Amino acid sequence: MVPDEVVITQAIVSTYLKKFLDCTRTEVAVVGGGPSGLVAACFLARAGRRVVLFERKLGIGGGMWGGGMLFNEIVVQEEARGLLEEFGVRTRRFQENCYTADAVEAVSALAFRAVQAGANILNGISVEDVVVREGRVIGLVINWSAVQVAGLHVDPLTVHADWVVDATGHDSEVLAVIERKAGIRLFTATGKRLGEQSMWAERAEQLTVENTREICPGVYVAGMAVNASFGGPRMGPIFGGMLLSGRRAAERILSRLEGKEERP
């Protein structure tokens, strides 16, 4: 017998609220559900860590869905091909060190593996501020994305996290808030975001991974937000660097959770 409408409502609200409350104090909060954020969340969850990913849109996957100019194929290099295949994504060799994958298959696999590993993904939620204590980011201030879109005066709620990952892409939105409001100097040459440069795929892929690191106390940066922060170029529809950046962010945070130190 099909449950009535009230039972359906009760099931959704009670189950969601339990999931949400479990995320209010977490080990890692990832902001942004693009490829780097999904990979980071998956590897952290696989390691048994409590991780929540906030995505402001209804759909996750970032720019990967559209491939290049809505041709929904993506390109990855050899190293990232292995990572995709670890997630169950099929790849095709185009030429040496150049492989293609179906963008829809890739996003679907990343999301499925992350959730199955134990990561909580909460979509439709925007991060509008950070929580800072003694010069370190210890949490996020969140609200429904629909509230922001409608311009409603609705106060937000707060979650605490041992570590935050800014995986918000070109806009590096968490770091933008930190610059504007927190008075914290970033671990860059100027203490602020250096801005994204024009396209240079090879260089961007390298720098995206190399510069995945703690960018200010309590915050790591991953994916395209790396180049927006450290002044690297954009790379276009090659996604290997973003995937590898997500894995590197997870590895470095796991080391910190285990008590190991890292120099900025």
C-alpha atoms as a PDB file:
ATOM      1  CA  MET A   1       0.000   0.000   0.000  1.00  0.00           C
ATOM      2  CA  VAL A   2       1.364   3.418  -0.990  1.00  0.00           C
ATOM      3  CA  PRO A   3       1.985   5.793   1.982  1.00  0.00           C
ATOM      4  CA  ASP A   4      -0.180   8.887   2.095  1.00  0.00           C
ATOM      5  CA  GLU A   5       1.109  12.411   1.490  1.00  0.00           C
ATOM      6  CA  VAL A   6       1.765  13.229   5.137  1.00  0.00           C
ATOM      7  CA  VAL A   7       3.843  10.082   5.641  1.00  0.00           C
ATOM      8  CA  ILE A   8       5.853  10.981   2.557  1.00  0.00           C
ATOM      9  CA  THR A   9       6.458  14.458   3.973  1.00  0.00           C
ATOM     10  CA  GLN A  10       7.425  13.076   7.374  1.00  0.00           C
ATOM     11  CA  ALA A  11       9.847  10.604   5.797  1.00  0.00           C
ATOM     12  CA  ILE A  12      11.634  13.276   3.769  1.00  0.00           C
ATOM     13  CA  VAL A  13      11.831  15.902   6.512  1.00  0.00           C
ATOM     14  CA  SER A  14      12.889  13.589   9.346  1.00  0.00           C
ATOM     15  CA  THR A  15      15.497  11.760   7.252  1.00  0.00           C
ATOM     16  CA  TYR A  16      16.951  14.966   5.827  1.00  0.00           C
ATOM     17  CA  LEU A  17      17.095  16.687   9.201  1.00  0.00           C
ATOM     18  CA  LYS A  18      19.021  13.771  10.687  1.00  0.00           C
ATOM     19  CA  LYS A  19      21.484  13.936   7.801  1.00  0.00           C
ATOM     20  CA  PHE A  20      21.791  17.698   8.130  1.00  0.00           C
ATOM     21  CA  LEU A  21      22.316  17.613  11.907  1.00  0.00           C
ATOM     22  CA  ASP A  22      25.019  14.986  11.497  1.00  0.00           C
ATOM     23  CA  CYS A  23      26.873  17.493   9.289  1.00  0.00           C
ATOM     24  CA  THR A  24      26.800  20.453  11.663  1.00  0.00           C
ATOM     25  CA  ARG A  25      30.032  19.279  13.299  1.00  0.00           C
ATOM     26  CA  THR A  26      32.284  17.525  10.837  1.00  0.00           C
ATOM     27  CA  GLU A  27      35.926  16.858  10.109  1.00  0.00           C
ATOM     28  CA  VAL A  28      35.970  18.280   6.573  1.00  0.00           C
ATOM     29  CA  ALA A  29      33.540  20.608   4.794  1.00  0.00           C
ATOM     30  CA  VAL A  30      34.021  20.770   1.031  1.00  0.00           C
ATOM     31  CA  VAL A  31      32.488  23.755  -0.734  1.00  0.00           C
ATOM     32  CA  GLY A  32      31.722  23.111  -4.394  1.00  0.00           C
ATOM     33  CA  GLY A  33      30.555  19.914  -6.079  1.00  0.00           C
ATOM     34  CA  GLY A  34      32.681  20.040  -9.211  1.00  0.00           C
ATOM     35  CA  PRO A  35      35.196  17.318 -10.088  1.00  0.00           C
ATOM     36  CA  SER A  36      37.845  18.317  -7.541  1.00  0.00           C
ATOM     37  CA  GLY A  37      35.317  18.637  -4.724  1.00  0.00           C
ATOM     38  CA  LEU A  38      33.704  15.290  -5.496  1.00  0.00           C
ATOM     39  CA  VAL A  39      37.050  13.488  -5.684  1.00  0.00           C
ATOM     40  CA  ALA A  40      38.267  15.074  -2.450  1.00  0.00           C
ATOM     41  CA  ALA A  41      35.045  14.141  -0.655  1.00  0.00           C
ATOM     42  CA  CYS A  42      35.206  10.576  -1.945  1.00  0.00           C
ATOM     43  CA  PHE A  43      38.800   9.928  -0.856  1.00  0.00           C
ATOM     44  CA  LEU A  44      38.193  11.482   2.552  1.00  0.00           C
ATOM     45  CA  ALA A  45      35.075   9.374   3.080  1.00  0.00           C
ATOM     46  CA  ARG A  46      36.867   6.236   1.925  1.00  0.00           C
ATOM     47  CA  ALA A  47      39.413   6.893   4.653  1.00  0.00           C
ATOM     48  CA  GLY A  48      36.625   6.850   7.217  1.00  0.00           C
ATOM     49  CA  ARG A  49      36.502  10.611   7.772  1.00  0.00           C
ATOM     50  CA  ARG A  50      33.321  12.601   8.300  1.00  0.00           C
ATOM     51  CA  VAL A  51      32.893  14.858   5.280  1.00  0.00           C
ATOM     52  CA  VAL A  52      30.090  17.009   3.941  1.00  0.00           C
ATOM     53  CA  LEU A  53      30.009  18.689   0.530  1.00  0.00           C
ATOM     54  CA  PHE A  54      27.920  21.819  -0.008  1.00  0.00           C
ATOM     55  CA  GLU A  55      26.795  22.663  -3.552  1.00  0.00           C
ATOM     56  CA  ARG A  56      24.788  25.807  -4.196  1.00  0.00           C
ATOM     57  CA  LYS A  57      23.120  24.476  -7.373  1.00  0.00           C
ATOM     58  CA  LEU A  58      20.644  21.615  -7.617  1.00  0.00           C
ATOM     59  CA  GLY A  59      23.038  19.665  -9.810  1.00  0.00           C
ATOM     60  CA  ILE A  60      26.612  18.738  -8.969  1.00  0.00           C
ATOM     61  CA  GLY A  61      29.489  18.292 -11.400  1.00  0.00           C
ATOM     62  CA  GLY A  62      30.480  21.890 -12.049  1.00  0.00           C
ATOM     63  CA  GLY A  63      31.646  22.565 -15.589  1.00  0.00           C
ATOM     64  CA  MET A  64      32.332  18.917 -16.380  1.00  0.00           C
ATOM     65  CA  TRP A  65      28.790  18.257 -17.676  1.00  0.00           C
ATOM     66  CA  GLY A  66      29.310  20.490 -20.699  1.00  0.00           C
ATOM     67  CA  GLY A  67      32.732  19.191 -21.764  1.00  0.00           C
ATOM     68  CA  GLY A  68      34.056  21.737 -24.233  1.00  0.00           C
ATOM     69  CA  MET A  69      31.516  24.179 -25.674  1.00  0.00           C
ATOM     70  CA  LEU A  70      28.663  21.743 -24.910  1.00  0.00           C
ATOM     71  CA  PHE A  71      30.396  18.846 -26.670  1.00  0.00           C
ATOM     72  CA  ASN A  72      29.988  16.619 -23.635  1.00  0.00           C
ATOM     73  CA  GLU A  73      33.320  14.835 -23.876  1.00  0.00           C
ATOM     74  CA  ILE A  74      36.242  15.607 -21.587  1.00  0.00           C
ATOM     75  CA  VAL A  75      39.980  15.105 -21.998  1.00  0.00           C
ATOM     76  CA  VAL A  76      42.361  13.719 -19.386  1.00  0.00           C
ATOM     77  CA  GLN A  77      46.034  12.813 -19.412  1.00  0.00           C
ATOM     78  CA  GLU A  78      47.505   9.401 -18.578  1.00  0.00           C
ATOM     79  CA  GLU A  79      47.774   9.873 -14.814  1.00  0.00           C
ATOM     80  CA  ALA A  80      44.208  11.097 -14.474  1.00  0.00           C
ATOM     81  CA  ARG A  81      42.922   8.337 -16.764  1.00  0.00           C
ATOM     82  CA  GLY A  82      43.882   5.845 -14.080  1.00  0.00           C
ATOM     83  CA  LEU A  83      41.960   7.833 -11.488  1.00  0.00           C
ATOM     84  CA  LEU A  84      38.839   7.935 -13.686  1.00  0.00           C
ATOM     85  CA  GLU A  85      39.018   4.215 -14.300  1.00  0.00           C
ATOM     86  CA  GLU A  86      39.343   3.685 -10.545  1.00  0.00           C
ATOM     87  CA  PHE A  87      35.915   5.342 -10.317  1.00  0.00           C
ATOM     88  CA  GLY A  88      34.575   3.039 -13.040  1.00  0.00           C
ATOM     89  CA  VAL A  89      34.644   5.590 -15.866  1.00  0.00           C
ATOM     90  CA  ARG A  90      35.539   4.265 -19.304  1.00  0.00           C
ATOM     91  CA  THR A  91      38.187   6.181 -21.262  1.00  0.00           C
ATOM     92  CA  ARG A  92      39.265   6.105 -24.906  1.00  0.00           C
ATOM     93  CA  ARG A  93      42.761   6.767 -26.212  1.00  0.00           C
ATOM     94  CA  PHE A  94      42.915   9.650 -28.684  1.00  0.00           C
ATOM     95  CA  GLN A  95      46.688   9.840 -28.915  1.00  0.00           C
ATOM     96  CA  GLU A  96      49.650   9.503 -26.588  1.00  0.00           C
ATOM     97  CA  ASN A  97      48.852  10.934 -23.139  1.00  0.00           C
ATOM     98  CA  CYS A  98      45.435  12.130 -24.340  1.00  0.00           C
ATOM     99  CA  TYR A  99      42.247  10.259 -23.450  1.00  0.00           C
ATOM    100  CA  THR A 100      38.573  11.171 -23.721  1.00  0.00           C
ATOM    101  CA  ALA A 101      35.670  10.218 -21.480  1.00  0.00           C
ATOM    102  CA  ASP A 102      31.943  10.823 -21.608  1.00  0.00           C
ATOM    103  CA  ALA A 103      31.248  13.827 -19.390  1.00  0.00           C
ATOM    104  CA  VAL A 104      27.886  12.528 -18.164  1.00  0.00           C
ATOM    105  CA  GLU A 105      29.353   9.151 -17.259  1.00  0.00           C
ATOM    106  CA  ALA A 106      32.250  10.833 -15.457  1.00  0.00           C
ATOM    107  CA  VAL A 107      30.124  13.140 -13.293  1.00  0.00           C
ATOM    108  CA  SER A 108      27.644  10.386 -12.495  1.00  0.00           C
ATOM    109  CA  ALA A 109      30.419   8.025 -11.423  1.00  0.00           C
ATOM    110  CA  LEU A 110      32.188  10.603  -9.252  1.00  0.00           C
ATOM    111  CA  ALA A 111      28.965  11.499  -7.465  1.00  0.00           C
ATOM    112  CA  PHE A 112      27.907   7.873  -6.995  1.00  0.00           C
ATOM    113  CA  ARG A 113      31.277   6.793  -5.606  1.00  0.00           C
ATOM    114  CA  ALA A 114      31.437   9.758  -3.224  1.00  0.00           C
ATOM    115  CA  VAL A 115      28.006   9.085  -1.752  1.00  0.00           C
ATOM    116  CA  GLN A 116      28.586   5.341  -1.586  1.00  0.00           C
ATOM    117  CA  ALA A 117      31.849   5.983   0.274  1.00  0.00           C
ATOM    118  CA  GLY A 118      29.930   7.882   2.951  1.00  0.00           C
ATOM    119  CA  ALA A 119      30.239  11.535   1.930  1.00  0.00           C
ATOM    120  CA  ASN A 120      27.164  13.666   2.585  1.00  0.00           C
ATOM    121  CA  ILE A 121      26.285  15.902  -0.359  1.00  0.00           C
ATOM    122  CA  LEU A 122      23.877  18.730   0.444  1.00  0.00           C
ATOM    123  CA  ASN A 123      22.803  20.616  -2.665  1.00  0.00           C
ATOM    124  CA  GLY A 124      20.901  23.877  -2.942  1.00  0.00           C
ATOM    125  CA  ILE A 125      23.017  25.372  -0.138  1.00  0.00           C
ATOM    126  CA  SER A 126      25.275  28.410  -0.456  1.00  0.00           C
ATOM    127  CA  VAL A 127      28.164  29.439   1.777  1.00  0.00           C
ATOM    128  CA  GLU A 128      27.864  33.128   2.591  1.00  0.00           C
ATOM    129  CA  ASP A 129      30.417  33.553   5.370  1.00  0.00           C
ATOM    130  CA  VAL A 130      33.044  31.767   7.433  1.00  0.00           C
ATOM    131  CA  VAL A 131      33.509  31.274  11.167  1.00  0.00           C
ATOM    132  CA  VAL A 132      36.905  32.456  12.428  1.00  0.00           C
ATOM    133  CA  ARG A 133      38.470  31.968  15.840  1.00  0.00           C
ATOM    134  CA  GLU A 134      41.981  33.172  16.707  1.00  0.00           C
ATOM    135  CA  GLY A 135      42.934  33.683  13.069  1.00  0.00           C
ATOM    136  CA  ARG A 136      41.769  30.264  11.863  1.00  0.00           C
ATOM    137  CA  VAL A 137      38.696  29.275   9.874  1.00  0.00           C
ATOM    138  CA  ILE A 138      36.716  26.732  11.908  1.00  0.00           C
ATOM    139  CA  GLY A 139      33.378  26.685  10.118  1.00  0.00           C
ATOM    140  CA  LEU A 140      30.980  27.932   7.483  1.00  0.00           C
ATOM    141  CA  VAL A 141      27.859  30.072   7.472  1.00  0.00           C
ATOM    142  CA  ILE A 142      25.246  28.588   5.139  1.00  0.00           C
ATOM    143  CA  ASN A 143      21.847  29.394   3.708  1.00  0.00           C
ATOM    144  CA  TRP A 144      19.490  28.017   1.098  1.00  0.00           C
ATOM    145  CA  SER A 145      20.553  29.147  -2.371  1.00  0.00           C
ATOM    146  CA  ALA A 146      16.937  29.973  -3.139  1.00  0.00           C
ATOM    147  CA  VAL A 147      16.955  32.505  -0.297  1.00  0.00           C
ATOM    148  CA  GLN A 148      19.868  34.323  -1.910  1.00  0.00           C
ATOM    149  CA  VAL A 149      18.313  34.210  -5.366  1.00  0.00           C
ATOM    150  CA  ALA A 150      15.041  35.634  -4.043  1.00  0.00           C
ATOM    151  CA  GLY A 151      16.841  38.306  -2.035  1.00  0.00           C
ATOM    152  CA  LEU A 152      14.985  37.356   1.135  1.00  0.00           C
ATOM    153  CA  HIS A 153      16.176  38.624   4.505  1.00  0.00           C
ATOM    154  CA  VAL A 154      16.595  35.215   6.162  1.00  0.00           C
ATOM    155  CA  ASP A 155      19.368  34.630   8.668  1.00  0.00           C
ATOM    156  CA  PRO A 156      21.746  31.736   7.972  1.00  0.00           C
ATOM    157  CA  LEU A 157      22.877  28.747  10.019  1.00  0.00           C
ATOM    158  CA  THR A 158      26.366  27.553  10.925  1.00  0.00           C
ATOM    159  CA  VAL A 159      28.428  24.375  10.700  1.00  0.00           C
ATOM    160  CA  HIS A 160      31.837  23.723  12.265  1.00  0.00           C
ATOM    161  CA  ALA A 161      34.627  21.778  10.558  1.00  0.00           C
ATOM    162  CA  ASP A 162      38.205  20.889  11.364  1.00  0.00           C
ATOM    163  CA  TRP A 163      39.120  21.709   7.758  1.00  0.00           C
ATOM    164  CA  VAL A 164      37.417  23.503   4.878  1.00  0.00           C
ATOM    165  CA  VAL A 165      38.112  22.922   1.180  1.00  0.00           C
ATOM    166  CA  ASP A 166      37.418  25.735  -1.289  1.00  0.00           C
ATOM    167  CA  ALA A 167      36.581  23.884  -4.503  1.00  0.00           C
ATOM    168  CA  THR A 168      34.319  26.590  -5.914  1.00  0.00           C
ATOM    169  CA  GLY A 169      36.108  26.976  -9.238  1.00  0.00           C
ATOM    170  CA  HIS A 170      37.058  30.172 -11.007  1.00  0.00           C
ATOM    171  CA  ASP A 171      35.462  32.439  -8.402  1.00  0.00           C
ATOM    172  CA  SER A 172      37.157  30.860  -5.321  1.00  0.00           C
ATOM    173  CA  GLU A 173      34.143  32.039  -3.345  1.00  0.00           C
ATOM    174  CA  VAL A 174      35.189  30.958   0.137  1.00  0.00           C
ATOM    175  CA  LEU A 175      38.511  32.761  -0.191  1.00  0.00           C
ATOM    176  CA  ALA A 176      36.729  35.836  -1.522  1.00  0.00           C
ATOM    177  CA  VAL A 177      34.706  35.969   1.705  1.00  0.00           C
ATOM    178  CA  ILE A 178      37.849  35.459   3.799  1.00  0.00           C
ATOM    179  CA  GLU A 179      39.595  38.321   1.994  1.00  0.00           C
ATOM    180  CA  ARG A 180      36.634  40.625   2.397  1.00  0.00           C
ATOM    181  CA  LYS A 181      35.618  39.903   5.962  1.00  0.00           C
ATOM    182  CA  ALA A 182      38.004  37.736   7.965  1.00  0.00           C
ATOM    183  CA  GLY A 183      41.209  39.757   7.976  1.00  0.00           C
ATOM    184  CA  ILE A 184      43.272  36.628   7.345  1.00  0.00           C
ATOM    185  CA  ARG A 185      46.328  36.756   5.097  1.00  0.00           C
ATOM    186  CA  LEU A 186      46.420  34.029   2.456  1.00  0.00           C
ATOM    187  CA  PHE A 187      49.602  32.022   1.853  1.00  0.00           C
ATOM    188  CA  THR A 188      50.242  33.743  -1.490  1.00  0.00           C
ATOM    189  CA  ALA A 189      52.823  36.310  -2.576  1.00  0.00           C
ATOM    190  CA  THR A 190      50.501  39.221  -1.786  1.00  0.00           C
ATOM    191  CA  GLY A 191      48.388  37.692   0.959  1.00  0.00           C
ATOM    192  CA  LYS A 192      45.398  37.834  -1.375  1.00  0.00           C
ATOM    193  CA  ARG A 193      44.153  35.893  -4.389  1.00  0.00           C
ATOM    194  CA  LEU A 194      46.382  36.592  -7.374  1.00  0.00           C
ATOM    195  CA  GLY A 195      43.699  36.019 -10.005  1.00  0.00           C
ATOM    196  CA  GLU A 196      43.341  33.594 -12.877  1.00  0.00           C
ATOM    197  CA  GLN A 197      45.415  34.092 -16.021  1.00  0.00           C
ATOM    198  CA  SER A 198      44.467  33.368 -19.638  1.00  0.00           C
ATOM    199  CA  MET A 199      44.419  29.848 -21.036  1.00  0.00           C
ATOM    200  CA  TRP A 200      47.527  27.650 -21.126  1.00  0.00           C
ATOM    201  CA  ALA A 201      46.356  24.066 -20.675  1.00  0.00           C
ATOM    202  CA  GLU A 202      49.706  22.345 -20.073  1.00  0.00           C
ATOM    203  CA  ARG A 203      50.898  24.855 -17.496  1.00  0.00           C
ATOM    204  CA  ALA A 204      47.516  25.072 -15.796  1.00  0.00           C
ATOM    205  CA  GLU A 205      47.272  21.309 -15.364  1.00  0.00           C
ATOM    206  CA  GLN A 206      50.666  21.244 -13.675  1.00  0.00           C
ATOM    207  CA  LEU A 207      50.034  24.210 -11.373  1.00  0.00           C
ATOM    208  CA  THR A 208      46.566  23.042 -10.360  1.00  0.00           C
ATOM    209  CA  VAL A 209      48.070  19.967  -8.741  1.00  0.00           C
ATOM    210  CA  GLU A 210      51.308  21.548  -7.484  1.00  0.00           C
ATOM    211  CA  ASN A 211      49.506  24.375  -5.682  1.00  0.00           C
ATOM    212  CA  THR A 212      46.794  22.261  -4.058  1.00  0.00           C
ATOM    213  CA  ARG A 213      47.557  23.036  -0.440  1.00  0.00           C
ATOM    214  CA  GLU A 214      46.543  24.863   2.706  1.00  0.00           C
ATOM    215  CA  ILE A 215      45.995  28.451   1.624  1.00  0.00           C
ATOM    216  CA  CYS A 216      45.181  29.957   5.012  1.00  0.00           C
ATOM    217  CA  PRO A 217      44.734  28.502   8.497  1.00  0.00           C
ATOM    218  CA  GLY A 218      41.967  25.932   8.323  1.00  0.00           C
ATOM    219  CA  VAL A 219      41.376  26.107   4.570  1.00  0.00           C
ATOM    220  CA  TYR A 220      42.673  24.079   1.636  1.00  0.00           C
ATOM    221  CA  VAL A 221      42.131  25.019  -1.988  1.00  0.00           C
ATOM    222  CA  ALA A 222      41.460  22.545  -4.803  1.00  0.00           C
ATOM    223  CA  GLY A 223      40.607  22.498  -8.495  1.00  0.00           C
ATOM    224  CA  MET A 224      40.254  25.641 -10.556  1.00  0.00           C
ATOM    225  CA  ALA A 225      40.153  27.711  -7.374  1.00  0.00           C
ATOM    226  CA  VAL A 226      43.857  26.862  -7.043  1.00  0.00           C
ATOM    227  CA  ASN A 227      44.827  28.791 -10.161  1.00  0.00           C
ATOM    228  CA  ALA A 228      42.447  31.626  -9.335  1.00  0.00           C
ATOM    229  CA  SER A 229      44.223  31.936  -5.981  1.00  0.00           C
ATOM    230  CA  PHE A 230      47.858  31.449  -6.980  1.00  0.00           C
ATOM    231  CA  GLY A 231      47.756  33.250 -10.334  1.00  0.00           C
ATOM    232  CA  GLY A 232      47.858  30.250 -12.653  1.00  0.00           C
ATOM    233  CA  PRO A 233      46.224  30.078 -16.084  1.00  0.00           C
ATOM    234  CA  ARG A 234      42.935  28.380 -16.928  1.00  0.00           C
ATOM    235  CA  MET A 235      43.005  25.055 -18.754  1.00  0.00           C
ATOM    236  CA  GLY A 236      39.689  24.641 -20.549  1.00  0.00           C
ATOM    237  CA  PRO A 237      38.018  21.236 -21.000  1.00  0.00           C
ATOM    238  CA  ILE A 238      40.912  19.054 -19.861  1.00  0.00           C
ATOM    239  CA  PHE A 239      39.944  17.837 -16.399  1.00  0.00           C
ATOM    240  CA  GLY A 240      42.864  15.718 -15.258  1.00  0.00           C
ATOM    241  CA  GLY A 241      44.390  18.419 -13.101  1.00  0.00           C
ATOM    242  CA  MET A 242      41.115  19.027 -11.275  1.00  0.00           C
ATOM    243  CA  LEU A 243      40.643  15.320 -10.560  1.00  0.00           C
ATOM    244  CA  LEU A 244      44.220  14.922  -9.335  1.00  0.00           C
ATOM    245  CA  SER A 245      43.924  18.124  -7.301  1.00  0.00           C
ATOM    246  CA  GLY A 246      40.928  16.693  -5.454  1.00  0.00           C
ATOM    247  CA  ARG A 247      42.872  13.568  -4.582  1.00  0.00           C
ATOM    248  CA  ARG A 248      45.872  15.594  -3.446  1.00  0.00           C
ATOM    249  CA  ALA A 249      43.718  17.815  -1.238  1.00  0.00           C
ATOM    250  CA  ALA A 250      42.267  14.733   0.418  1.00  0.00           C
ATOM    251  CA  GLU A 251      45.706  13.206   0.962  1.00  0.00           C
ATOM    252  CA  ARG A 252      47.067  16.373   2.538  1.00  0.00           C
ATOM    253  CA  ILE A 253      44.065  16.841   4.814  1.00  0.00           C
ATOM    254  CA  LEU A 254      44.249  13.212   5.900  1.00  0.00           C
ATOM    255  CA  SER A 255      47.858  13.815   6.911  1.00  0.00           C
ATOM    256  CA  ARG A 256      46.805  16.820   8.995  1.00  0.00           C
ATOM    257  CA  LEU A 257      43.985  14.883  10.631  1.00  0.00           C
ATOM    258  CA  GLU A 258      46.590  12.313  11.598  1.00  0.00           C
ATOM    259  CA  GLY A 259      48.579  15.050  13.320  1.00  0.00           C
ATOM    260  CA  LYS A 260      51.275  15.592  10.706  1.00  0.00           C
ATOM    261  CA  GLU A 261      52.464  19.123  10.012  1.00  0.00           C
ATOM    262  CA  GLU A 262      52.649  20.806   6.621  1.00  0.00           C
ATOM    263  CA  ARG A 263      54.384  24.021   5.699  1.00  0.00           C
ATOM    264  CA  PRO A 264      52.248  26.459   3.728  1.00  0.00           C
END
